[in-house]
């Protein structure tokens, strides 16, 4: 009898680049397929509890890191106790109201271990994550945006929730001082089979990763399949009146014409929700993509049927409709396979 050696196929290495809820959704959906997942996360957030983490603890922002860790945690479903604990936002308590337990946990661990990088790794072990969460940089920096009228706004949260005219077009964004890339982020990109960019706020979640020295060039050189998940809605203060092709052009400024596929939602939205967005001067992203693009356009239903509920103590503006993790992951898998 022949002794046949059965070898398992090596799982594809999928790198997700972005931050916030968008990357959380992608990771939550993809982890069911057994890929080797890595999340490269922006570190320039300066709003909400992140501002306090930066100002009071002297640490880099942790909210996006926390969300990715939770997405990759070993708990199945969306109601696990550990998941709820790390997502819990205090509604009471002088000094901690509005803060999340997960952010405070990592702040305490950073103090104990003397290293924020090590605190992130150890938090991953506590949550038994299936993959890795990689800060794009450990350099302290701030995001700046220059608008078509010549005005400049500094700090991510002032771009995200504008006090100025949010219909103004952003003509340039940059990080100052320019941060050095985390070597682990570059290594992950270089070894990736697939790179998923987005969804998420274009100028405050996705593109800040590309502004970190060495990241965009690593993506350009990578032989991985490169996918871009388009946002569902425009964002007042960032992408007001921007179409699908406008989003792609903004990304191409950094990575060139290297995309393999773009995923676009082609379904409707829950009733009444568009009226709420209209009051915020935000609208569905118009699909104006040509049939003769150099990349494949995948049009499918990737919108969640649920309207997101914001916690009472959360002071930031949050999206009401989001991508559905299962639908989006299935669309990505079809391209990957």
C-alpha atoms as a PDB file:
ATOM      1  CA  UNK A   1       0.000   0.000   0.000  1.00  0.00           C
ATOM      2  CA  UNK A   2       1.318   3.388  -0.948  1.00  0.00           C
ATOM      3  CA  UNK A   3       1.740   5.811   1.914  1.00  0.00           C
ATOM      4  CA  UNK A   4       0.409   9.081   0.572  1.00  0.00           C
ATOM      5  CA  UNK A   5       1.240  12.249   2.414  1.00  0.00           C
ATOM      6  CA  UNK A   6      -1.752  14.568   2.518  1.00  0.00           C
ATOM      7  CA  UNK A   7      -0.745  18.174   2.875  1.00  0.00           C
ATOM      8  CA  UNK A   8      -3.114  21.002   3.682  1.00  0.00           C
ATOM      9  CA  UNK A   9      -3.017  23.961   1.299  1.00  0.00           C
ATOM     10  CA  UNK A  10      -1.242  27.004   2.694  1.00  0.00           C
ATOM     11  CA  UNK A  11      -3.888  29.621   3.547  1.00  0.00           C
ATOM     12  CA  UNK A  12      -3.785  32.774   1.465  1.00  0.00           C
ATOM     13  CA  UNK A  13      -2.266  35.772   3.202  1.00  0.00           C
ATOM     14  CA  UNK A  14      -4.831  38.574   3.153  1.00  0.00           C
ATOM     15  CA  UNK A  15      -3.792  42.037   4.331  1.00  0.00           C
ATOM     16  CA  UNK A  16      -6.543  44.557   5.127  1.00  0.00           C
ATOM     17  CA  UNK A  17      -5.544  48.232   5.160  1.00  0.00           C
ATOM     18  CA  UNK A  18      -7.647  50.973   6.713  1.00  0.00           C
ATOM     19  CA  UNK A  19      -9.088  51.609  10.138  1.00  0.00           C
ATOM     20  CA  UNK A  20     -12.305  52.005  12.055  1.00  0.00           C
ATOM     21  CA  UNK A  21     -15.570  50.208  11.428  1.00  0.00           C
ATOM     22  CA  UNK A  22     -14.793  49.428   7.773  1.00  0.00           C
ATOM     23  CA  UNK A  23     -11.784  47.242   8.552  1.00  0.00           C
ATOM     24  CA  UNK A  24     -13.679  45.715  11.481  1.00  0.00           C
ATOM     25  CA  UNK A  25     -16.418  44.582   9.062  1.00  0.00           C
ATOM     26  CA  UNK A  26     -13.961  43.118   6.537  1.00  0.00           C
ATOM     27  CA  UNK A  27     -12.056  41.148   9.181  1.00  0.00           C
ATOM     28  CA  UNK A  28     -15.243  39.906  10.880  1.00  0.00           C
ATOM     29  CA  UNK A  29     -16.456  38.464   7.597  1.00  0.00           C
ATOM     30  CA  UNK A  30     -13.196  37.050   6.265  1.00  0.00           C
ATOM     31  CA  UNK A  31     -12.116  35.176   9.394  1.00  0.00           C
ATOM     32  CA  UNK A  32     -14.651  32.419   8.655  1.00  0.00           C
ATOM     33  CA  UNK A  33     -12.702  31.389   5.523  1.00  0.00           C
ATOM     34  CA  UNK A  34      -9.460  30.383   7.196  1.00  0.00           C
ATOM     35  CA  UNK A  35      -7.225  32.974   5.523  1.00  0.00           C
ATOM     36  CA  UNK A  36      -4.067  34.227   7.221  1.00  0.00           C
ATOM     37  CA  UNK A  37      -5.366  37.694   8.115  1.00  0.00           C
ATOM     38  CA  UNK A  38      -3.386  40.832   8.930  1.00  0.00           C
ATOM     39  CA  UNK A  39      -4.800  44.290   9.556  1.00  0.00           C
ATOM     40  CA  UNK A  40      -2.654  47.369   8.974  1.00  0.00           C
ATOM     41  CA  UNK A  41      -4.235  50.212  10.896  1.00  0.00           C
ATOM     42  CA  UNK A  42      -3.895  53.981  10.687  1.00  0.00           C
ATOM     43  CA  UNK A  43      -2.494  55.699  13.792  1.00  0.00           C
ATOM     44  CA  UNK A  44      -3.404  59.364  13.242  1.00  0.00           C
ATOM     45  CA  UNK A  45      -6.869  59.419  14.856  1.00  0.00           C
ATOM     46  CA  UNK A  46      -7.292  62.298  17.290  1.00  0.00           C
ATOM     47  CA  UNK A  47     -11.001  62.380  18.114  1.00  0.00           C
ATOM     48  CA  UNK A  48     -13.177  61.116  20.965  1.00  0.00           C
ATOM     49  CA  UNK A  49     -11.450  58.817  23.458  1.00  0.00           C
ATOM     50  CA  UNK A  50      -8.397  58.682  21.194  1.00  0.00           C
ATOM     51  CA  UNK A  51      -7.731  62.352  21.922  1.00  0.00           C
ATOM     52  CA  UNK A  52      -7.647  61.561  25.637  1.00  0.00           C
ATOM     53  CA  UNK A  53      -5.431  58.517  25.064  1.00  0.00           C
ATOM     54  CA  UNK A  54      -2.979  60.788  23.228  1.00  0.00           C
ATOM     55  CA  UNK A  55      -3.208  63.843  25.485  1.00  0.00           C
ATOM     56  CA  UNK A  56      -3.514  62.239  28.930  1.00  0.00           C
ATOM     57  CA  UNK A  57      -1.596  58.974  28.497  1.00  0.00           C
ATOM     58  CA  UNK A  58       0.923  60.054  25.855  1.00  0.00           C
ATOM     59  CA  UNK A  59       0.066  57.023  23.741  1.00  0.00           C
ATOM     60  CA  UNK A  60      -0.832  56.544  20.104  1.00  0.00           C
ATOM     61  CA  UNK A  61      -4.562  56.135  19.345  1.00  0.00           C
ATOM     62  CA  UNK A  62      -5.963  52.684  20.083  1.00  0.00           C
ATOM     63  CA  UNK A  63      -9.637  52.677  19.026  1.00  0.00           C
ATOM     64  CA  UNK A  64      -9.048  51.306  15.520  1.00  0.00           C
ATOM     65  CA  UNK A  65      -6.563  48.769  16.904  1.00  0.00           C
ATOM     66  CA  UNK A  66      -9.156  47.681  19.474  1.00  0.00           C
ATOM     67  CA  UNK A  67     -11.842  47.182  16.838  1.00  0.00           C
ATOM     68  CA  UNK A  68      -9.553  45.018  14.692  1.00  0.00           C
ATOM     69  CA  UNK A  69      -8.522  42.912  17.690  1.00  0.00           C
ATOM     70  CA  UNK A  70     -12.179  42.314  18.546  1.00  0.00           C
ATOM     71  CA  UNK A  71     -13.001  41.426  14.937  1.00  0.00           C
ATOM     72  CA  UNK A  72     -10.279  38.755  14.954  1.00  0.00           C
ATOM     73  CA  UNK A  73     -11.028  37.467  18.444  1.00  0.00           C
ATOM     74  CA  UNK A  74     -11.751  33.773  19.003  1.00  0.00           C
ATOM     75  CA  UNK A  75     -15.328  34.430  20.119  1.00  0.00           C
ATOM     76  CA  UNK A  76     -17.939  33.548  17.536  1.00  0.00           C
ATOM     77  CA  UNK A  77     -21.003  35.651  16.961  1.00  0.00           C
ATOM     78  CA  UNK A  78     -21.537  39.242  18.022  1.00  0.00           C
ATOM     79  CA  UNK A  79     -22.665  38.872  21.624  1.00  0.00           C
ATOM     80  CA  UNK A  80     -19.673  37.196  23.308  1.00  0.00           C
ATOM     81  CA  UNK A  81     -18.873  38.517  26.785  1.00  0.00           C
ATOM     82  CA  UNK A  82     -15.222  39.395  26.020  1.00  0.00           C
ATOM     83  CA  UNK A  83     -16.284  41.224  22.876  1.00  0.00           C
ATOM     84  CA  UNK A  84     -18.903  43.186  24.817  1.00  0.00           C
ATOM     85  CA  UNK A  85     -16.339  43.997  27.506  1.00  0.00           C
ATOM     86  CA  UNK A  86     -13.763  45.414  25.098  1.00  0.00           C
ATOM     87  CA  UNK A  87     -16.447  47.369  23.223  1.00  0.00           C
ATOM     88  CA  UNK A  88     -18.046  48.669  26.438  1.00  0.00           C
ATOM     89  CA  UNK A  89     -18.123  52.460  26.649  1.00  0.00           C
ATOM     90  CA  UNK A  90     -18.503  53.992  30.111  1.00  0.00           C
ATOM     91  CA  UNK A  91     -21.548  56.231  30.461  1.00  0.00           C
ATOM     92  CA  UNK A  92     -20.796  57.299  34.025  1.00  0.00           C
ATOM     93  CA  UNK A  93     -17.781  58.217  36.071  1.00  0.00           C
ATOM     94  CA  UNK A  94     -15.927  61.504  36.193  1.00  0.00           C
ATOM     95  CA  UNK A  95     -12.947  61.276  33.901  1.00  0.00           C
ATOM     96  CA  UNK A  96     -13.854  57.978  32.244  1.00  0.00           C
ATOM     97  CA  UNK A  97     -17.295  58.697  30.761  1.00  0.00           C
ATOM     98  CA  UNK A  98     -17.046  58.151  26.999  1.00  0.00           C
ATOM     99  CA  UNK A  99     -13.967  55.932  27.274  1.00  0.00           C
ATOM    100  CA  UNK A 100     -14.041  52.284  26.239  1.00  0.00           C
ATOM    101  CA  UNK A 101     -12.852  49.474  28.474  1.00  0.00           C
ATOM    102  CA  UNK A 102     -10.670  48.147  25.658  1.00  0.00           C
ATOM    103  CA  UNK A 103      -8.794  51.436  25.287  1.00  0.00           C
ATOM    104  CA  UNK A 104      -8.228  51.707  29.033  1.00  0.00           C
ATOM    105  CA  UNK A 105      -7.109  48.067  29.180  1.00  0.00           C
ATOM    106  CA  UNK A 106      -4.443  48.679  26.518  1.00  0.00           C
ATOM    107  CA  UNK A 107      -3.371  51.933  28.191  1.00  0.00           C
ATOM    108  CA  UNK A 108      -2.859  50.083  31.491  1.00  0.00           C
ATOM    109  CA  UNK A 109      -1.027  47.239  29.748  1.00  0.00           C
ATOM    110  CA  UNK A 110       1.263  49.729  27.966  1.00  0.00           C
ATOM    111  CA  UNK A 111       2.180  51.201  31.347  1.00  0.00           C
ATOM    112  CA  UNK A 112       2.803  47.766  32.884  1.00  0.00           C
ATOM    113  CA  UNK A 113       4.898  46.469  29.984  1.00  0.00           C
ATOM    114  CA  UNK A 114       6.569  49.778  29.142  1.00  0.00           C
ATOM    115  CA  UNK A 115       5.712  49.326  25.461  1.00  0.00           C
ATOM    116  CA  UNK A 116       2.538  50.064  23.511  1.00  0.00           C
ATOM    117  CA  UNK A 117       3.650  47.674  20.758  1.00  0.00           C
ATOM    118  CA  UNK A 118       3.974  44.839  23.263  1.00  0.00           C
ATOM    119  CA  UNK A 119       0.647  45.787  24.868  1.00  0.00           C
ATOM    120  CA  UNK A 120      -1.096  45.359  21.507  1.00  0.00           C
ATOM    121  CA  UNK A 121       0.484  41.932  20.998  1.00  0.00           C
ATOM    122  CA  UNK A 122      -0.431  40.774  24.502  1.00  0.00           C
ATOM    123  CA  UNK A 123      -4.012  42.024  24.086  1.00  0.00           C
ATOM    124  CA  UNK A 124      -4.175  39.894  20.950  1.00  0.00           C
ATOM    125  CA  UNK A 125      -3.160  36.877  23.046  1.00  0.00           C
ATOM    126  CA  UNK A 126      -5.823  37.661  25.654  1.00  0.00           C
ATOM    127  CA  UNK A 127      -8.458  37.793  22.898  1.00  0.00           C
ATOM    128  CA  UNK A 128      -6.920  34.771  21.118  1.00  0.00           C
ATOM    129  CA  UNK A 129      -7.074  36.529  17.778  1.00  0.00           C
ATOM    130  CA  UNK A 130      -6.877  34.630  14.496  1.00  0.00           C
ATOM    131  CA  UNK A 131      -4.371  36.806  12.678  1.00  0.00           C
ATOM    132  CA  UNK A 132      -2.367  39.916  13.463  1.00  0.00           C
ATOM    133  CA  UNK A 133      -3.132  43.597  14.010  1.00  0.00           C
ATOM    134  CA  UNK A 134      -0.299  45.869  12.918  1.00  0.00           C
ATOM    135  CA  UNK A 135      -0.104  49.620  13.597  1.00  0.00           C
ATOM    136  CA  UNK A 136       1.117  51.243  10.375  1.00  0.00           C
ATOM    137  CA  UNK A 137       3.583  53.291  12.438  1.00  0.00           C
ATOM    138  CA  UNK A 138       4.629  53.991  16.021  1.00  0.00           C
ATOM    139  CA  UNK A 139       5.647  57.588  15.242  1.00  0.00           C
ATOM    140  CA  UNK A 140       3.557  60.384  16.706  1.00  0.00           C
ATOM    141  CA  UNK A 141       2.017  62.457  13.954  1.00  0.00           C
ATOM    142  CA  UNK A 142      -0.991  64.587  13.013  1.00  0.00           C
ATOM    143  CA  UNK A 143      -3.091  64.617   9.868  1.00  0.00           C
ATOM    144  CA  UNK A 144      -3.541  67.863   7.928  1.00  0.00           C
ATOM    145  CA  UNK A 145      -5.869  68.700   5.039  1.00  0.00           C
ATOM    146  CA  UNK A 146      -5.632  71.601   2.598  1.00  0.00           C
ATOM    147  CA  UNK A 147      -8.857  72.654   0.904  1.00  0.00           C
ATOM    148  CA  UNK A 148      -9.616  74.257  -2.451  1.00  0.00           C
ATOM    149  CA  UNK A 149      -9.934  77.704  -0.851  1.00  0.00           C
ATOM    150  CA  UNK A 150      -6.377  77.431   0.506  1.00  0.00           C
ATOM    151  CA  UNK A 151      -7.374  76.839   4.128  1.00  0.00           C
ATOM    152  CA  UNK A 152      -5.602  74.138   6.148  1.00  0.00           C
ATOM    153  CA  UNK A 153      -7.127  72.065   8.950  1.00  0.00           C
ATOM    154  CA  UNK A 154      -4.985  70.033  11.327  1.00  0.00           C
ATOM    155  CA  UNK A 155      -5.946  66.978  13.366  1.00  0.00           C
ATOM    156  CA  UNK A 156      -8.035  64.089  12.136  1.00  0.00           C
ATOM    157  CA  UNK A 157     -11.183  64.776  14.155  1.00  0.00           C
ATOM    158  CA  UNK A 158     -11.509  68.331  12.764  1.00  0.00           C
ATOM    159  CA  UNK A 159     -11.395  66.900   9.240  1.00  0.00           C
ATOM    160  CA  UNK A 160     -13.822  64.136  10.172  1.00  0.00           C
ATOM    161  CA  UNK A 161     -16.327  66.450  11.851  1.00  0.00           C
ATOM    162  CA  UNK A 162     -15.716  69.827  10.172  1.00  0.00           C
ATOM    163  CA  UNK A 163     -16.328  73.163  11.821  1.00  0.00           C
ATOM    164  CA  UNK A 164     -15.645  74.749   8.420  1.00  0.00           C
ATOM    165  CA  UNK A 165     -17.629  74.485   5.164  1.00  0.00           C
ATOM    166  CA  UNK A 166     -17.765  70.738   4.593  1.00  0.00           C
ATOM    167  CA  UNK A 167     -18.600  71.101   0.910  1.00  0.00           C
ATOM    168  CA  UNK A 168     -15.068  72.328   0.190  1.00  0.00           C
ATOM    169  CA  UNK A 169     -12.947  69.875  -1.755  1.00  0.00           C
ATOM    170  CA  UNK A 170      -9.777  68.482  -0.185  1.00  0.00           C
ATOM    171  CA  UNK A 171      -6.854  69.027  -2.553  1.00  0.00           C
ATOM    172  CA  UNK A 172      -4.053  67.682  -0.357  1.00  0.00           C
ATOM    173  CA  UNK A 173      -3.567  65.697   2.834  1.00  0.00           C
ATOM    174  CA  UNK A 174      -0.322  65.046   4.674  1.00  0.00           C
ATOM    175  CA  UNK A 175       1.089  63.819   7.963  1.00  0.00           C
ATOM    176  CA  UNK A 176       3.350  66.060  10.016  1.00  0.00           C
ATOM    177  CA  UNK A 177       5.878  65.090  11.132  1.00  0.00           C
ATOM    178  CA  UNK A 178       6.083  62.370   8.502  1.00  0.00           C
ATOM    179  CA  UNK A 179       6.056  59.038  10.338  1.00  0.00           C
ATOM    180  CA  UNK A 180       8.308  56.041   9.788  1.00  0.00           C
ATOM    181  CA  UNK A 181       6.612  52.817   8.773  1.00  0.00           C
ATOM    182  CA  UNK A 182       6.365  49.926  11.188  1.00  0.00           C
ATOM    183  CA  UNK A 183       8.673  47.271   9.640  1.00  0.00           C
ATOM    184  CA  UNK A 184       6.021  44.632  10.376  1.00  0.00           C
ATOM    185  CA  UNK A 185       3.545  46.520   8.183  1.00  0.00           C
ATOM    186  CA  UNK A 186       5.956  46.576   5.232  1.00  0.00           C
ATOM    187  CA  UNK A 187       6.747  42.886   5.735  1.00  0.00           C
ATOM    188  CA  UNK A 188       3.039  41.997   5.743  1.00  0.00           C
ATOM    189  CA  UNK A 189       2.461  43.880   2.488  1.00  0.00           C
ATOM    190  CA  UNK A 190       5.472  42.265   0.826  1.00  0.00           C
ATOM    191  CA  UNK A 191       4.293  38.742   1.724  1.00  0.00           C
ATOM    192  CA  UNK A 192       0.594  39.293   0.945  1.00  0.00           C
ATOM    193  CA  UNK A 193      -1.382  37.302  -1.616  1.00  0.00           C
ATOM    194  CA  UNK A 194      -4.284  39.739  -1.422  1.00  0.00           C
ATOM    195  CA  UNK A 195      -4.466  43.361  -0.259  1.00  0.00           C
ATOM    196  CA  UNK A 196      -7.902  44.731   0.646  1.00  0.00           C
ATOM    197  CA  UNK A 197      -8.168  48.515   0.936  1.00  0.00           C
ATOM    198  CA  UNK A 198     -11.241  50.088   2.515  1.00  0.00           C
ATOM    199  CA  UNK A 199     -14.030  50.574   3.225  1.00  0.00           C
ATOM    200  CA  UNK A 200     -13.740  53.488   5.618  1.00  0.00           C
ATOM    201  CA  UNK A 201     -13.394  57.257   5.632  1.00  0.00           C
ATOM    202  CA  UNK A 202     -11.196  57.948   2.619  1.00  0.00           C
ATOM    203  CA  UNK A 203      -9.079  60.828   3.928  1.00  0.00           C
ATOM    204  CA  UNK A 204      -8.964  59.925   7.626  1.00  0.00           C
ATOM    205  CA  UNK A 205      -8.913  56.100   7.714  1.00  0.00           C
ATOM    206  CA  UNK A 206      -7.516  54.726   4.446  1.00  0.00           C
ATOM    207  CA  UNK A 207      -5.206  57.296   2.862  1.00  0.00           C
ATOM    208  CA  UNK A 208      -3.249  58.193   6.044  1.00  0.00           C
ATOM    209  CA  UNK A 209      -1.769  54.684   5.801  1.00  0.00           C
ATOM    210  CA  UNK A 210      -0.496  55.517   2.310  1.00  0.00           C
ATOM    211  CA  UNK A 211       1.179  58.693   3.583  1.00  0.00           C
ATOM    212  CA  UNK A 212       3.479  56.757   5.906  1.00  0.00           C
ATOM    213  CA  UNK A 213       6.924  56.513   4.340  1.00  0.00           C
ATOM    214  CA  UNK A 214       7.379  53.252   2.408  1.00  0.00           C
ATOM    215  CA  UNK A 215       3.803  51.940   2.563  1.00  0.00           C
ATOM    216  CA  UNK A 216       2.507  53.136  -0.828  1.00  0.00           C
ATOM    217  CA  UNK A 217       5.682  52.031  -2.625  1.00  0.00           C
ATOM    218  CA  UNK A 218       5.427  48.581  -0.986  1.00  0.00           C
ATOM    219  CA  UNK A 219       1.845  48.251  -2.245  1.00  0.00           C
ATOM    220  CA  UNK A 220       2.894  49.326  -5.749  1.00  0.00           C
ATOM    221  CA  UNK A 221       5.648  46.700  -5.861  1.00  0.00           C
ATOM    222  CA  UNK A 222       3.528  43.934  -4.367  1.00  0.00           C
ATOM    223  CA  UNK A 223       2.392  41.130  -6.662  1.00  0.00           C
ATOM    224  CA  UNK A 224      -0.689  40.595  -4.516  1.00  0.00           C
ATOM    225  CA  UNK A 225      -4.197  41.027  -5.867  1.00  0.00           C
ATOM    226  CA  UNK A 226      -5.278  44.525  -4.865  1.00  0.00           C
ATOM    227  CA  UNK A 227      -8.932  45.128  -4.040  1.00  0.00           C
ATOM    228  CA  UNK A 228     -10.645  48.401  -3.197  1.00  0.00           C
ATOM    229  CA  UNK A 229     -14.000  48.336  -1.389  1.00  0.00           C
ATOM    230  CA  UNK A 230     -15.903  51.523  -2.137  1.00  0.00           C
ATOM    231  CA  UNK A 231     -17.774  53.349   0.595  1.00  0.00           C
ATOM    232  CA  UNK A 232     -21.560  53.340   0.600  1.00  0.00           C
ATOM    233  CA  UNK A 233     -21.996  57.049   1.310  1.00  0.00           C
ATOM    234  CA  UNK A 234     -20.138  60.289   0.737  1.00  0.00           C
ATOM    235  CA  UNK A 235     -18.758  62.053   3.806  1.00  0.00           C
ATOM    236  CA  UNK A 236     -19.432  65.719   4.551  1.00  0.00           C
ATOM    237  CA  UNK A 237     -16.084  67.456   5.070  1.00  0.00           C
ATOM    238  CA  UNK A 238     -14.162  64.777   3.171  1.00  0.00           C
ATOM    239  CA  UNK A 239     -15.795  63.342   0.071  1.00  0.00           C
ATOM    240  CA  UNK A 240     -18.781  65.624  -0.452  1.00  0.00           C
ATOM    241  CA  UNK A 241     -20.135  65.128  -3.989  1.00  0.00           C
ATOM    242  CA  UNK A 242     -17.328  62.658  -4.871  1.00  0.00           C
ATOM    243  CA  UNK A 243     -18.257  59.814  -7.226  1.00  0.00           C
ATOM    244  CA  UNK A 244     -16.845  56.287  -7.295  1.00  0.00           C
ATOM    245  CA  UNK A 245     -14.213  57.259  -9.863  1.00  0.00           C
ATOM    246  CA  UNK A 246     -13.207  60.259  -7.720  1.00  0.00           C
ATOM    247  CA  UNK A 247     -12.530  57.916  -4.788  1.00  0.00           C
ATOM    248  CA  UNK A 248     -10.389  55.690  -6.980  1.00  0.00           C
ATOM    249  CA  UNK A 249      -8.393  58.617  -8.403  1.00  0.00           C
ATOM    250  CA  UNK A 250      -7.616  59.770  -4.854  1.00  0.00           C
ATOM    251  CA  UNK A 251      -6.236  56.307  -4.036  1.00  0.00           C
ATOM    252  CA  UNK A 252      -4.329  56.048  -7.341  1.00  0.00           C
ATOM    253  CA  UNK A 253      -2.352  59.183  -6.411  1.00  0.00           C
ATOM    254  CA  UNK A 254      -0.516  56.950  -3.944  1.00  0.00           C
ATOM    255  CA  UNK A 255      -0.522  53.436  -5.429  1.00  0.00           C
ATOM    256  CA  UNK A 256      -0.786  54.214  -9.150  1.00  0.00           C
ATOM    257  CA  UNK A 257      -2.983  52.185 -11.472  1.00  0.00           C
ATOM    258  CA  UNK A 258      -2.343  48.896  -9.698  1.00  0.00           C
ATOM    259  CA  UNK A 259      -5.851  47.846  -8.662  1.00  0.00           C
ATOM    260  CA  UNK A 260      -7.162  44.448  -9.733  1.00  0.00           C
ATOM    261  CA  UNK A 261     -10.769  44.837  -8.610  1.00  0.00           C
ATOM    262  CA  UNK A 262     -13.186  47.362  -7.144  1.00  0.00           C
ATOM    263  CA  UNK A 263     -16.244  46.231  -5.165  1.00  0.00           C
ATOM    264  CA  UNK A 264     -19.304  48.478  -5.458  1.00  0.00           C
ATOM    265  CA  UNK A 265     -22.668  48.183  -3.746  1.00  0.00           C
ATOM    266  CA  UNK A 266     -25.551  47.960  -6.227  1.00  0.00           C
ATOM    267  CA  UNK A 267     -28.501  47.576  -3.857  1.00  0.00           C
ATOM    268  CA  UNK A 268     -30.843  49.992  -2.138  1.00  0.00           C
ATOM    269  CA  UNK A 269     -30.758  51.155   1.473  1.00  0.00           C
ATOM    270  CA  UNK A 270     -33.109  50.723   4.447  1.00  0.00           C
ATOM    271  CA  UNK A 271     -36.185  52.935   4.268  1.00  0.00           C
ATOM    272  CA  UNK A 272     -35.934  56.383   5.765  1.00  0.00           C
ATOM    273  CA  UNK A 273     -32.197  56.235   6.373  1.00  0.00           C
ATOM    274  CA  UNK A 274     -31.303  58.327   3.313  1.00  0.00           C
ATOM    275  CA  UNK A 275     -33.395  61.205   4.646  1.00  0.00           C
ATOM    276  CA  UNK A 276     -31.320  61.185   7.830  1.00  0.00           C
ATOM    277  CA  UNK A 277     -28.116  61.231   5.782  1.00  0.00           C
ATOM    278  CA  UNK A 278     -29.461  64.054   3.625  1.00  0.00           C
ATOM    279  CA  UNK A 279     -29.747  66.235   6.731  1.00  0.00           C
ATOM    280  CA  UNK A 280     -26.001  65.631   7.238  1.00  0.00           C
ATOM    281  CA  UNK A 281     -25.265  66.545   3.584  1.00  0.00           C
ATOM    282  CA  UNK A 282     -24.250  62.953   2.841  1.00  0.00           C
ATOM    283  CA  UNK A 283     -25.482  60.851  -0.084  1.00  0.00           C
ATOM    284  CA  UNK A 284     -24.942  57.431  -1.717  1.00  0.00           C
ATOM    285  CA  UNK A 285     -21.686  57.263  -3.701  1.00  0.00           C
ATOM    286  CA  UNK A 286     -22.605  57.514  -7.390  1.00  0.00           C
ATOM    287  CA  UNK A 287     -21.323  54.586  -9.461  1.00  0.00           C
ATOM    288  CA  UNK A 288     -19.865  56.261 -12.547  1.00  0.00           C
ATOM    289  CA  UNK A 289     -17.275  53.572 -13.298  1.00  0.00           C
ATOM    290  CA  UNK A 290     -16.640  52.832 -16.960  1.00  0.00           C
ATOM    291  CA  UNK A 291     -17.043  49.392 -18.546  1.00  0.00           C
ATOM    292  CA  UNK A 292     -13.512  49.733 -19.953  1.00  0.00           C
ATOM    293  CA  UNK A 293     -11.535  50.170 -16.727  1.00  0.00           C
ATOM    294  CA  UNK A 294      -8.176  48.421 -16.267  1.00  0.00           C
ATOM    295  CA  UNK A 295      -9.587  46.749 -13.126  1.00  0.00           C
ATOM    296  CA  UNK A 296     -12.582  44.453 -12.665  1.00  0.00           C
ATOM    297  CA  UNK A 297     -15.699  46.111 -11.256  1.00  0.00           C
ATOM    298  CA  UNK A 298     -17.732  43.815  -9.007  1.00  0.00           C
ATOM    299  CA  UNK A 299     -21.238  45.136  -8.440  1.00  0.00           C
ATOM    300  CA  UNK A 300     -23.196  43.300  -5.769  1.00  0.00           C
ATOM    301  CA  UNK A 301     -25.376  43.751  -2.698  1.00  0.00           C
ATOM    302  CA  UNK A 302     -22.994  44.384   0.208  1.00  0.00           C
ATOM    303  CA  UNK A 303     -25.089  46.677   2.393  1.00  0.00           C
ATOM    304  CA  UNK A 304     -26.330  45.630   5.825  1.00  0.00           C
ATOM    305  CA  UNK A 305     -30.080  45.525   6.433  1.00  0.00           C
ATOM    306  CA  UNK A 306     -29.552  46.828   9.962  1.00  0.00           C
ATOM    307  CA  UNK A 307     -29.291  50.458  11.015  1.00  0.00           C
ATOM    308  CA  UNK A 308     -26.375  50.938  13.403  1.00  0.00           C
ATOM    309  CA  UNK A 309     -27.150  52.189  16.906  1.00  0.00           C
ATOM    310  CA  UNK A 310     -24.734  54.555  18.639  1.00  0.00           C
ATOM    311  CA  UNK A 311     -23.956  54.262  22.334  1.00  0.00           C
ATOM    312  CA  UNK A 312     -25.209  57.161  24.460  1.00  0.00           C
ATOM    313  CA  UNK A 313     -21.779  58.216  25.713  1.00  0.00           C
ATOM    314  CA  UNK A 314     -20.203  58.155  22.248  1.00  0.00           C
ATOM    315  CA  UNK A 315     -19.639  61.795  21.281  1.00  0.00           C
ATOM    316  CA  UNK A 316     -18.554  61.149  17.681  1.00  0.00           C
ATOM    317  CA  UNK A 317     -20.780  61.055  14.598  1.00  0.00           C
ATOM    318  CA  UNK A 318     -21.127  57.446  13.405  1.00  0.00           C
ATOM    319  CA  UNK A 319     -22.416  55.929  10.176  1.00  0.00           C
ATOM    320  CA  UNK A 320     -25.983  54.622  10.256  1.00  0.00           C
ATOM    321  CA  UNK A 321     -25.667  52.101   7.444  1.00  0.00           C
ATOM    322  CA  UNK A 322     -22.679  49.865   6.988  1.00  0.00           C
ATOM    323  CA  UNK A 323     -21.362  47.076   4.829  1.00  0.00           C
ATOM    324  CA  UNK A 324     -22.636  43.621   5.719  1.00  0.00           C
ATOM    325  CA  UNK A 325     -19.671  41.526   6.866  1.00  0.00           C
ATOM    326  CA  UNK A 326     -20.968  38.234   5.431  1.00  0.00           C
ATOM    327  CA  UNK A 327     -21.976  39.676   2.045  1.00  0.00           C
ATOM    328  CA  UNK A 328     -18.751  41.648   1.667  1.00  0.00           C
ATOM    329  CA  UNK A 329     -16.564  38.703   2.683  1.00  0.00           C
ATOM    330  CA  UNK A 330     -18.330  36.485   0.119  1.00  0.00           C
ATOM    331  CA  UNK A 331     -17.648  39.062  -2.622  1.00  0.00           C
ATOM    332  CA  UNK A 332     -13.989  39.291  -1.620  1.00  0.00           C
ATOM    333  CA  UNK A 333     -13.659  35.499  -1.472  1.00  0.00           C
ATOM    334  CA  UNK A 334     -15.029  35.158  -5.000  1.00  0.00           C
ATOM    335  CA  UNK A 335     -12.284  37.482  -6.276  1.00  0.00           C
ATOM    336  CA  UNK A 336      -9.576  35.863  -4.134  1.00  0.00           C
ATOM    337  CA  UNK A 337     -10.416  32.333  -5.218  1.00  0.00           C
END
